[in-house]
Protein backbone atom coordinates (compact mmCIF):
# COMPACT_ATOMS: atom_id res chain seq x y z
CA UNK A 1 126.74 92.46 102.22
CA UNK A 2 128.91 95.57 101.36
CA UNK A 3 128.58 96.24 97.80
CA UNK A 4 125.87 93.55 97.10
CA UNK A 5 123.65 94.63 98.91
CA UNK A 6 120.11 95.07 97.34
CA UNK A 7 117.13 96.61 99.58
CA UNK A 8 113.48 96.07 98.87
CA UNK A 9 110.76 98.22 101.01
CA UNK A 10 107.60 96.61 101.09
CA UNK A 11 105.71 98.67 103.56
CA UNK A 12 102.20 99.51 104.49
CA UNK A 13 100.80 102.78 105.70
CA UNK A 14 101.23 104.45 108.83
CA UNK A 15 97.50 105.13 109.01
CA UNK A 16 97.12 108.64 110.35
CA UNK A 17 100.37 109.53 109.16
CA UNK A 18 102.24 108.53 106.26
CA UNK A 19 101.11 106.61 103.16
CA UNK A 20 103.19 103.67 101.85
CA UNK A 21 105.05 105.57 99.28
CA UNK A 22 105.97 107.98 102.16
CA UNK A 23 107.00 105.39 104.72
CA UNK A 24 109.41 104.07 101.84
CA UNK A 25 111.02 107.37 100.93
CA UNK A 26 111.64 108.23 104.11
CA UNK A 27 112.94 104.90 104.95
CA UNK A 28 115.27 105.20 102.05
CA UNK A 29 116.76 108.56 103.07
CA UNK A 30 117.71 107.19 106.56
CA UNK A 31 119.35 103.81 104.55
CA UNK A 32 121.46 106.43 102.48
CA UNK A 33 122.62 108.35 105.02
CA UNK A 34 124.43 105.29 106.35
CA UNK A 35 125.01 103.39 103.72
CA UNK A 36 124.81 105.77 100.61
CA UNK A 37 125.88 102.87 98.19
CA UNK A 38 122.98 100.53 99.14
CA UNK A 39 120.50 100.15 96.08
CA UNK A 40 116.70 100.40 97.18
CA UNK A 41 113.69 99.15 95.62
CA UNK A 42 110.13 100.65 96.85
CA UNK A 43 106.92 98.98 96.36
CA UNK A 44 104.49 100.14 98.50
CA UNK A 45 101.88 97.42 99.36
CA UNK A 46 98.49 96.98 100.91
CA UNK A 47 96.07 94.08 101.90
CA UNK A 48 92.80 95.54 100.12
CA UNK A 49 91.90 98.12 102.78
CA UNK A 50 92.21 101.87 102.75
CA UNK A 51 95.85 102.61 100.51
CA UNK A 52 95.11 99.62 97.89
CA UNK A 53 94.85 102.08 94.76
CA UNK A 54 97.28 104.52 95.90
CA UNK A 55 100.15 101.40 96.18
CA UNK A 56 99.03 100.52 92.74
CA UNK A 57 99.52 103.60 91.25
CA UNK A 58 102.74 103.22 92.97
CA UNK A 59 103.27 100.15 91.62
CA UNK A 60 102.66 101.65 87.55
CA UNK A 61 98.75 101.39 87.64
CA UNK A 62 96.65 104.34 86.19
CA UNK A 63 94.70 106.75 88.20
CA UNK A 64 91.14 106.86 86.77
CA UNK A 65 88.23 109.02 88.93
CA UNK A 66 84.89 109.15 89.14
CA UNK A 67 82.18 111.53 90.64
CA UNK A 68 80.06 108.60 93.01
CA UNK A 69 77.26 107.78 95.88
CA UNK A 70 78.73 107.87 98.62
CA UNK A 71 77.90 106.04 102.00
CA UNK A 72 75.21 108.49 103.22
CA UNK A 73 73.80 109.55 99.24
CA UNK A 74 75.96 112.32 98.86
CA UNK A 75 78.26 112.25 96.30
CA UNK A 76 81.90 111.38 96.65
CA UNK A 77 85.17 111.39 94.19
CA UNK A 78 86.76 108.06 93.79
CA UNK A 79 89.67 106.18 92.28
CA UNK A 80 90.43 103.53 91.18
CA UNK A 81 93.42 101.97 89.08
CA UNK A 82 94.01 100.10 85.65
CA UNK A 83 96.93 98.56 83.70
CA UNK A 84 96.60 96.53 81.21
CA UNK A 85 93.32 94.33 81.37
CA UNK A 86 93.32 94.28 85.35
CA UNK A 87 91.76 97.00 87.66
CA UNK A 88 92.00 97.61 91.03
CA UNK A 89 88.75 98.65 92.98
CA UNK A 90 88.90 100.20 96.73
CA UNK A 91 85.55 99.71 97.92
CA UNK A 92 86.87 102.19 100.44
CA UNK A 93 87.27 104.97 98.65
CA UNK A 94 83.35 105.18 97.56
CA UNK A 95 82.05 103.61 100.27
CA UNK A 96 84.42 103.78 103.58
CA UNK A 97 84.37 105.35 107.08
CA UNK A 98 86.52 108.00 105.55
CA UNK A 99 83.49 109.15 103.77
CA UNK A 100 81.48 109.82 107.48
CA UNK A 101 81.64 113.11 109.39
CA UNK A 102 83.41 112.97 112.82
CA UNK A 103 81.28 111.35 114.76
CA UNK A 104 78.56 110.78 112.23
CA UNK A 105 77.45 106.99 111.64
CA UNK A 106 74.58 105.58 109.60
CA UNK A 107 74.56 101.50 110.93
CA UNK A 108 71.20 100.89 108.77
CA UNK A 109 71.60 103.38 105.96
CA UNK A 110 74.95 103.41 104.95
CA UNK A 111 74.75 101.95 101.07
CA UNK A 112 77.61 100.30 98.90
CA UNK A 113 75.90 101.79 95.85
CA UNK A 114 79.10 104.23 95.15
CA UNK A 115 81.44 101.01 94.96
CA UNK A 116 78.69 99.55 92.56
CA UNK A 117 79.02 102.65 90.69
CA UNK A 118 83.21 102.02 90.86
CA UNK A 119 83.09 98.74 89.59
CA UNK A 120 80.88 99.56 86.43
CA UNK A 121 83.04 102.28 85.76
CA UNK A 122 86.04 99.81 85.93
CA UNK A 123 84.34 97.02 83.68
CA UNK A 124 84.09 100.28 81.44
CA UNK A 125 87.96 100.80 81.03
CA UNK A 126 87.62 97.22 79.15
CA UNK A 127 89.37 95.30 82.41
CA UNK A 128 88.93 91.76 82.43
CA UNK A 129 90.10 91.09 85.59
CA UNK A 130 89.06 93.61 88.59
CA UNK A 131 90.30 93.18 91.91
CA UNK A 132 87.71 94.46 94.85
CA UNK A 133 89.88 95.38 98.02
CA UNK A 134 87.20 95.38 100.85
CA UNK A 135 87.69 96.93 104.09
CA UNK A 136 87.76 100.33 105.90
CA UNK A 137 83.75 100.09 104.76
CA UNK A 138 81.14 102.53 106.67
CA UNK A 139 78.08 99.79 105.27
CA UNK A 140 76.29 96.69 106.45
CA UNK A 141 74.03 96.49 103.14
CA UNK A 142 74.98 93.08 102.16
CA UNK A 143 76.50 94.52 98.85
CA UNK A 144 72.60 95.29 98.26
CA UNK A 145 73.54 99.04 97.12
CA UNK A 146 76.47 97.90 94.74
CA UNK A 147 74.02 94.98 93.23
CA UNK A 148 71.63 97.52 92.58
CA UNK A 149 74.01 100.16 90.83
CA UNK A 150 75.17 97.21 88.73
CA UNK A 151 71.17 96.83 87.87
CA UNK A 152 69.82 94.40 90.17
CA UNK A 153 66.40 94.78 90.98
CA UNK A 154 65.71 95.16 94.86
CA UNK A 155 62.06 95.43 95.41
CA UNK A 156 59.77 95.58 98.41
CA UNK A 157 56.21 94.38 98.81
CA UNK A 158 54.99 97.50 96.64
CA UNK A 159 56.97 96.60 93.65
CA UNK A 160 59.63 99.62 94.70
CA UNK A 161 63.08 99.72 94.85
CA UNK A 162 64.17 99.60 97.98
CA UNK A 163 66.26 102.78 100.17
CA UNK A 164 69.90 102.32 100.39
CA UNK A 165 71.00 100.46 103.91
CA UNK A 166 70.63 96.64 105.65
CA UNK A 167 68.05 97.69 107.55
CA UNK A 168 65.45 98.25 104.70
CA UNK A 169 66.79 94.77 103.50
CA UNK A 170 63.66 93.29 106.09
CA UNK A 171 61.15 94.28 103.53
CA UNK A 172 62.70 92.66 100.61
CA UNK A 173 60.32 90.85 98.62
CA UNK A 174 61.46 89.97 95.52
CA UNK A 175 65.24 90.17 94.00
CA UNK A 176 65.94 90.26 90.27
CA UNK A 177 70.12 90.05 89.48
CA UNK A 178 69.14 89.55 85.65
CA UNK A 179 69.55 93.49 84.80
CA UNK A 180 73.37 92.75 85.70
CA UNK A 181 75.71 93.73 82.63
CA UNK A 182 76.26 90.12 80.45
CA UNK A 183 80.16 90.98 80.42
CA UNK A 184 80.37 90.23 84.27
CA UNK A 185 80.10 86.35 83.02
CA UNK A 186 83.07 87.09 81.08
CA UNK A 187 84.80 89.05 84.16
CA UNK A 188 87.32 87.62 86.63
CA UNK A 189 86.38 89.51 89.87
CA UNK A 190 88.35 88.76 93.01
CA UNK A 191 87.25 89.88 96.53
CA UNK A 192 90.31 90.56 97.94
CA UNK A 193 90.31 90.61 102.04
CA UNK A 194 91.48 90.02 105.29
CA UNK A 195 88.24 88.94 106.56
CA UNK A 196 86.78 85.26 106.47
CA UNK A 197 83.51 85.64 108.37
CA UNK A 198 80.40 84.80 107.38
CA UNK A 199 77.48 86.88 106.46
CA UNK A 200 75.42 86.28 109.56
CA UNK A 201 75.40 84.82 112.95
CA UNK A 202 77.73 85.42 116.21
CA UNK A 203 80.63 85.90 113.59
CA UNK A 204 78.95 87.72 110.98
CA UNK A 205 79.38 91.22 109.40
CA UNK A 206 76.69 92.53 112.05
CA UNK A 207 78.06 91.62 115.02
CA UNK A 208 81.98 91.81 114.84
CA UNK A 209 82.05 94.98 112.60
CA UNK A 210 78.46 96.65 113.24
CA UNK A 211 79.52 98.03 116.75
CA UNK A 212 82.79 99.49 114.46
CA UNK A 213 80.01 101.38 112.21
CA UNK A 214 77.93 102.99 115.15
CA UNK A 215 75.65 99.69 115.66
CA UNK A 216 74.01 100.06 118.78
CA UNK A 217 73.02 96.32 119.85
CA UNK A 218 69.66 96.68 118.40
CA UNK A 219 71.22 97.55 115.50
CA UNK A 220 73.20 94.78 115.22
CA UNK A 221 70.44 92.40 115.98
CA UNK A 222 68.36 94.08 113.24
CA UNK A 223 71.08 94.19 110.62
CA UNK A 224 71.77 90.13 111.68
CA UNK A 225 68.26 89.37 110.77
CA UNK A 226 68.03 91.80 107.76
CA UNK A 227 70.88 90.30 106.12
CA UNK A 228 69.64 86.78 106.80
CA UNK A 229 66.42 87.41 104.84
CA UNK A 230 68.32 88.76 102.16
CA UNK A 231 69.99 85.86 101.46
CA UNK A 232 67.08 84.15 101.88
CA UNK A 233 65.07 86.32 99.41
CA UNK A 234 68.47 85.75 96.68
CA UNK A 235 68.47 81.54 97.61
CA UNK A 236 71.88 81.90 98.52
CA UNK A 237 71.97 81.28 102.12
CA UNK A 238 74.78 78.58 101.08
CA UNK A 239 77.00 81.49 100.17
CA UNK A 240 75.70 83.46 103.23
CA UNK A 241 77.84 80.64 105.21
CA UNK A 242 81.23 80.90 102.59
CA UNK A 243 84.10 82.80 103.88
CA UNK A 244 84.53 86.40 103.18
CA UNK A 245 80.94 86.56 102.59
CA UNK A 246 80.87 89.00 105.64
CA UNK A 247 83.58 91.35 105.12
CA UNK A 248 82.81 94.61 104.11
CA UNK A 249 79.71 94.51 106.00
CA UNK A 250 78.35 91.48 103.50
CA UNK A 251 80.13 93.39 100.17
CA UNK A 252 81.56 89.77 100.28
CA UNK A 253 78.34 88.26 99.75
CA UNK A 254 76.77 90.66 97.14
CA UNK A 255 80.04 89.73 95.19
CA UNK A 256 79.68 86.44 95.56
CA UNK A 257 76.08 86.51 94.32
CA UNK A 258 76.13 88.58 91.60
CA UNK A 259 79.45 88.69 89.87
CA UNK A 260 80.88 85.25 91.03
CA UNK A 261 83.66 86.63 92.62
CA UNK A 262 86.33 84.33 94.02
CA UNK A 263 87.64 85.07 97.96
CA UNK A 264 91.64 85.06 98.41
CA UNK A 265 93.65 87.24 101.00
CA UNK A 266 94.27 90.43 99.92
CA UNK A 267 97.79 90.07 100.73
CA UNK A 268 98.30 87.45 98.50
CA UNK A 269 96.16 89.36 95.52
CA UNK A 270 97.60 92.33 95.67
CA UNK A 271 101.63 90.88 95.98
CA UNK A 272 100.63 89.22 93.01
CA UNK A 273 99.18 91.85 90.97
CA UNK A 274 101.83 94.53 92.29
CA UNK A 275 104.81 92.29 90.93
CA UNK A 276 106.32 91.44 93.88
CA UNK A 277 107.99 88.26 93.08
CA UNK A 278 110.50 89.87 90.26
CA UNK A 279 111.11 92.49 92.95
CA UNK A 280 111.97 89.90 95.79
CA UNK A 281 114.41 88.23 93.08
CA UNK A 282 116.33 91.34 93.41
CA UNK A 283 116.71 91.74 96.94
CA UNK A 284 118.85 90.66 99.37
CA UNK A 285 117.16 92.32 102.79
CA UNK A 286 113.45 93.21 102.63
CA UNK A 287 111.61 95.70 104.64
CA UNK A 288 108.33 96.08 105.38
CA UNK A 289 105.84 97.93 107.96
CA UNK A 290 102.73 99.09 109.25
CA UNK A 291 101.54 101.60 111.78
CA UNK A 292 100.89 99.04 114.39
CA UNK A 293 102.75 95.66 114.51
CA UNK A 294 100.06 94.14 116.69
CA UNK A 295 98.25 90.42 116.74
CA UNK A 296 96.03 91.75 114.10
CA UNK A 297 99.11 91.58 111.57
CA UNK A 298 99.21 88.12 111.80
CA UNK A 299 96.28 87.83 110.14
CA UNK A 300 96.53 88.39 106.68
CA UNK A 301 97.79 91.57 106.76
CA UNK A 302 100.39 93.22 104.44
CA UNK A 303 103.89 92.68 106.42
CA UNK A 304 102.75 88.90 107.50
CA UNK A 305 102.09 88.54 103.58
CA UNK A 306 105.87 90.10 102.48
CA UNK A 307 107.15 88.42 105.20
CA UNK A 308 105.94 84.59 104.44
CA UNK A 309 106.78 85.03 100.62
CA UNK A 310 109.98 86.47 101.17
CA UNK A 311 110.91 83.81 103.55
CA UNK A 312 109.86 81.30 101.31
CA UNK A 313 112.30 82.62 99.10
CA UNK A 314 114.82 82.94 101.68
CA UNK A 315 115.25 86.49 101.98
CA UNK A 316 115.78 88.32 105.58
CA UNK A 317 113.39 90.35 106.86
CA UNK A 318 113.26 93.31 109.15
CA UNK A 319 110.41 95.53 110.04
CA UNK A 320 109.52 98.96 110.89
CA UNK A 321 106.64 100.21 112.50
CA UNK A 322 105.01 103.39 114.49
CA UNK A 323 104.44 100.75 117.69
CA UNK A 324 105.58 97.32 118.68
CA UNK A 325 102.64 95.00 120.39
CA UNK A 326 104.27 91.41 119.75
CA UNK A 327 106.68 90.16 121.36
CA UNK A 328 110.22 89.18 119.52
CA UNK A 329 109.60 85.23 119.60
CA UNK A 330 105.95 86.23 117.61
CA UNK A 331 107.79 87.97 115.22
CA UNK A 332 110.23 85.49 114.47
CA UNK A 333 107.54 83.24 114.27
CA UNK A 334 105.70 85.39 111.52
CA UNK A 335 108.67 85.50 109.61
CA UNK A 336 110.40 89.14 110.91
CA UNK A 337 113.77 88.84 112.36
CA UNK A 338 113.27 92.53 113.96
CA UNK A 339 111.38 95.26 114.06
CA UNK A 340 112.36 98.95 114.60
CA UNK A 341 109.55 100.96 116.27
CA UNK A 342 108.88 104.42 116.00
CA UNK A 343 107.49 104.15 119.78
CA UNK A 344 111.01 103.50 120.48
CA UNK A 345 112.24 106.59 119.88
CA UNK A 346 109.23 108.83 121.15
CA UNK A 347 107.15 107.50 123.26
CA UNK A 348 104.24 109.69 123.31
CA UNK A 349 101.65 108.30 120.22
CA UNK A 350 100.36 112.11 119.43
CA UNK A 351 104.09 113.52 119.06
CA UNK A 352 105.39 109.98 117.03
CA UNK A 353 102.35 110.34 114.75
CA UNK A 354 102.98 113.93 114.06
CA UNK A 355 106.78 113.31 113.24
CA UNK A 356 106.47 110.01 111.96
CA UNK A 357 108.67 110.46 108.96
CA UNK A 358 111.71 111.98 111.01
CA UNK A 359 111.41 109.47 113.01
CA UNK A 360 111.29 106.82 110.86
CA UNK A 361 114.45 108.36 109.26
CA UNK A 362 116.22 107.48 112.52
CA UNK A 363 115.18 103.62 112.77
CA UNK A 364 116.29 103.45 109.16
CA UNK A 365 119.46 104.77 110.19
CA UNK A 366 120.02 102.01 113.00
CA UNK A 367 118.29 99.26 110.88
CA UNK A 368 120.80 99.98 108.44
CA UNK A 369 123.88 99.70 110.97
CA UNK A 370 122.30 96.64 111.94
CA UNK A 371 121.90 94.90 108.74
CA UNK A 372 123.99 96.47 106.22
């Protein structure tokens, strides 16, 4: 490639070690140690989960912060990103597992109320396209909290508002969405995630993801029944079966019902709004990656999306990662020519995570020698 080489680094975060921007910085440092003349462009990416707002800010969006209701009801500071008429809202910022104390879960009572407050704040900026990134949530409330924060009235048999959480949905008697801001009718809401599960059933929000949020088998059964009841009272059991309705504890369902959201794979949406296509045009080699390249990566995660788009444009793709858990054939099928795992340099996971930055620079040096 010589003097004409242009590298695009479009990697996700290394969870627990490095942000997507830090990954790009360390890879750049390693590349330039071997090939100082190579032009490098960094475009941190995300798939709708943790790190989505940070990636948008790195791409030129403006960060807005608000104090909103956290998943346990206490206030938390949450950010969203705005550029022009587009806002990026990451539900984990308001309602994510990151806001729970270590070892503390609230499967029946965790709320998405703060996500609704964040969406309302985004609407107030004048944004008329709002991308709602889902993933990393602490909640299984079907988006009921979110809808309540946006003006929905969800009442029990005494006419009182329901308490927070998915568990109390079994007491729902009436649901009135007429209090939602009329501006939502003129706002495009894109539900961006990598989960296409329905709201209920064996592949539903409670059954598949509830245990990650502290739900035992009894809780899972109670939540699944409560979510089914919620859909029935709203008269939208049709949407309960829609792909993505079960995303983030059912917040997908709430967005489909109340905001007329459209579900799209998160990485596709984010690549669009972050300006990946023009950056790809300028590149001769693409470097993607994330903390763990594994079977999950192939199902809508950021590196798979980057690789698919790059391959369609005829660009070579290689990857960096903390650990590699898929074979080279599977990797190439996904459009990634080769991966450079930090585990090959430091087999101890704790040490590798602690020293991820310097190790990543060494991996990038090897990558530069092989491909530049």
